[in-house]
C-alpha atoms as a PDB file:
ATOM      1  CA  UNK A   1      92.461  92.194  99.751  1.00  0.00           C
ATOM      2  CA  UNK A   2      90.672  95.614 100.673  1.00  0.00           C
ATOM      3  CA  UNK A   3      93.440  99.271 101.144  1.00  0.00           C
ATOM      4  CA  UNK A   4      93.068  98.914 105.261  1.00  0.00           C
ATOM      5  CA  UNK A   5      94.005  95.432 105.344  1.00  0.00           C
ATOM      6  CA  UNK A   6      97.041  96.280 103.115  1.00  0.00           C
ATOM      7  CA  UNK A   7      97.895  99.547 105.067  1.00  0.00           C
ATOM      8  CA  UNK A   8      97.585  97.467 108.650  1.00  0.00           C
ATOM      9  CA  UNK A   9      99.556  95.224 106.918  1.00  0.00           C
ATOM     10  CA  UNK A  10     102.688  97.387 106.477  1.00  0.00           C
ATOM     11  CA  UNK A  11     102.296  99.483 109.370  1.00  0.00           C
ATOM     12  CA  UNK A  12     102.574  96.132 111.536  1.00  0.00           C
ATOM     13  CA  UNK A  13     105.898  95.507 109.196  1.00  0.00           C
ATOM     14  CA  UNK A  14     107.306  98.530 110.036  1.00  0.00           C
ATOM     15  CA  UNK A  15     106.289  99.396 113.311  1.00  0.00           C
ATOM     16  CA  UNK A  16     105.830  96.268 115.264  1.00  0.00           C
ATOM     17  CA  UNK A  17     103.012  94.120 116.237  1.00  0.00           C
ATOM     18  CA  UNK A  18     100.090  92.207 114.457  1.00  0.00           C
ATOM     19  CA  UNK A  19      97.880  93.882 111.853  1.00  0.00           C
ATOM     20  CA  UNK A  20      94.713  92.278 113.601  1.00  0.00           C
ATOM     21  CA  UNK A  21      96.599  94.270 116.849  1.00  0.00           C
ATOM     22  CA  UNK A  22      96.784  97.563 115.005  1.00  0.00           C
ATOM     23  CA  UNK A  23      93.625  99.697 115.780  1.00  0.00           C
ATOM     24  CA  UNK A  24      92.705 101.816 112.495  1.00  0.00           C
ATOM     25  CA  UNK A  25      90.753 104.403 114.216  1.00  0.00           C
ATOM     26  CA  UNK A  26      93.428 105.828 116.377  1.00  0.00           C
ATOM     27  CA  UNK A  27      95.850 108.539 116.024  1.00  0.00           C
ATOM     28  CA  UNK A  28      98.618 107.238 114.441  1.00  0.00           C
ATOM     29  CA  UNK A  29     100.439 108.891 116.797  1.00  0.00           C
ATOM     30  CA  UNK A  30      99.220 106.743 119.206  1.00  0.00           C
ATOM     31  CA  UNK A  31     100.272 103.604 116.805  1.00  0.00           C
ATOM     32  CA  UNK A  32     103.904 104.826 117.792  1.00  0.00           C
ATOM     33  CA  UNK A  33     104.159 106.714 114.328  1.00  0.00           C
ATOM     34  CA  UNK A  34     106.120 110.513 114.233  1.00  0.00           C
ATOM     35  CA  UNK A  35     105.889 112.539 111.488  1.00  0.00           C
ATOM     36  CA  UNK A  36     108.914 111.016 109.814  1.00  0.00           C
ATOM     37  CA  UNK A  37     107.753 107.432 110.014  1.00  0.00           C
ATOM     38  CA  UNK A  38     104.716 108.641 108.378  1.00  0.00           C
ATOM     39  CA  UNK A  39     106.365 110.114 105.759  1.00  0.00           C
ATOM     40  CA  UNK A  40     108.642 107.217 105.286  1.00  0.00           C
ATOM     41  CA  UNK A  41     105.691 104.932 105.117  1.00  0.00           C
ATOM     42  CA  UNK A  42     103.886 106.871 102.677  1.00  0.00           C
ATOM     43  CA  UNK A  43     106.820 106.083 100.161  1.00  0.00           C
ATOM     44  CA  UNK A  44     106.726 102.425 101.504  1.00  0.00           C
ATOM     45  CA  UNK A  45     102.627 102.737 100.230  1.00  0.00           C
ATOM     46  CA  UNK A  46     103.385 104.542  97.355  1.00  0.00           C
ATOM     47  CA  UNK A  47     105.238 101.412  96.099  1.00  0.00           C
ATOM     48  CA  UNK A  48     102.863  98.813  97.544  1.00  0.00           C
ATOM     49  CA  UNK A  49     100.048 100.447  95.523  1.00  0.00           C
ATOM     50  CA  UNK A  50     101.771 101.806  91.985  1.00  0.00           C
ATOM     51  CA  UNK A  51     101.107 105.276  92.320  1.00  0.00           C
ATOM     52  CA  UNK A  52     102.271 108.394  94.062  1.00  0.00           C
ATOM     53  CA  UNK A  53      99.995 109.862  97.570  1.00  0.00           C
ATOM     54  CA  UNK A  54     100.274 113.397  97.560  1.00  0.00           C
ATOM     55  CA  UNK A  55     100.960 115.541 100.625  1.00  0.00           C
ATOM     56  CA  UNK A  56      97.968 117.596 100.237  1.00  0.00           C
ATOM     57  CA  UNK A  57      95.629 114.348 100.220  1.00  0.00           C
ATOM     58  CA  UNK A  58      97.032 113.187 103.254  1.00  0.00           C
ATOM     59  CA  UNK A  59      97.899 115.664 105.502  1.00  0.00           C
ATOM     60  CA  UNK A  60      94.628 116.032 107.655  1.00  0.00           C
ATOM     61  CA  UNK A  61      94.696 112.550 107.597  1.00  0.00           C
ATOM     62  CA  UNK A  62      94.888 110.951 111.429  1.00  0.00           C
ATOM     63  CA  UNK A  63      94.016 107.397 111.319  1.00  0.00           C
ATOM     64  CA  UNK A  64      95.139 104.511 109.387  1.00  0.00           C
ATOM     65  CA  UNK A  65      91.010 104.556 108.569  1.00  0.00           C
ATOM     66  CA  UNK A  66      91.067 107.918 107.074  1.00  0.00           C
ATOM     67  CA  UNK A  67      94.364 107.008 105.122  1.00  0.00           C
ATOM     68  CA  UNK A  68      92.625 104.184 103.644  1.00  0.00           C
ATOM     69  CA  UNK A  69      89.991 106.374 102.393  1.00  0.00           C
ATOM     70  CA  UNK A  70      91.987 108.938 100.799  1.00  0.00           C
ATOM     71  CA  UNK A  71      94.074 105.890  99.126  1.00  0.00           C
ATOM     72  CA  UNK A  72      90.813 104.758  98.034  1.00  0.00           C
ATOM     73  CA  UNK A  73      89.728 108.283  96.467  1.00  0.00           C
ATOM     74  CA  UNK A  74      93.138 108.602  94.811  1.00  0.00           C
ATOM     75  CA  UNK A  75      93.087 104.894  93.311  1.00  0.00           C
ATOM     76  CA  UNK A  76      89.667 106.310  91.580  1.00  0.00           C
ATOM     77  CA  UNK A  77      91.059 109.361  90.426  1.00  0.00           C
ATOM     78  CA  UNK A  78      94.181 107.488  88.772  1.00  0.00           C
ATOM     79  CA  UNK A  79      91.802 104.751  87.232  1.00  0.00           C
ATOM     80  CA  UNK A  80      89.590 107.494  85.834  1.00  0.00           C
ATOM     81  CA  UNK A  81      92.343 109.612  84.214  1.00  0.00           C
ATOM     82  CA  UNK A  82      94.426 106.852  83.012  1.00  0.00           C
ATOM     83  CA  UNK A  83      91.206 105.525  81.575  1.00  0.00           C
ATOM     84  CA  UNK A  84      90.040 108.710  79.811  1.00  0.00           C
ATOM     85  CA  UNK A  85      90.369 108.783  76.043  1.00  0.00           C
ATOM     86  CA  UNK A  86      92.720 111.073  74.963  1.00  0.00           C
ATOM     87  CA  UNK A  87      91.773 114.631  73.526  1.00  0.00           C
END
């Protein structure tokens, strides 16, 4: 399952609706997600993906698609860091 699909499923669970009905290109505020809700959502995503998501990495995110892109970038960075040989 790709990152965007996982995010949409969690958004549907937390904020209501179905994953297919969520517009991943709509601003999160149009999805009924306020700043506190987004913060709680980020904690849930950290649990779901298994790594920390720094606020700096998502502070300019406006849509769920942008969020998925940011998380994919963090996942690659975490993989690269964890697979690097120790110096």
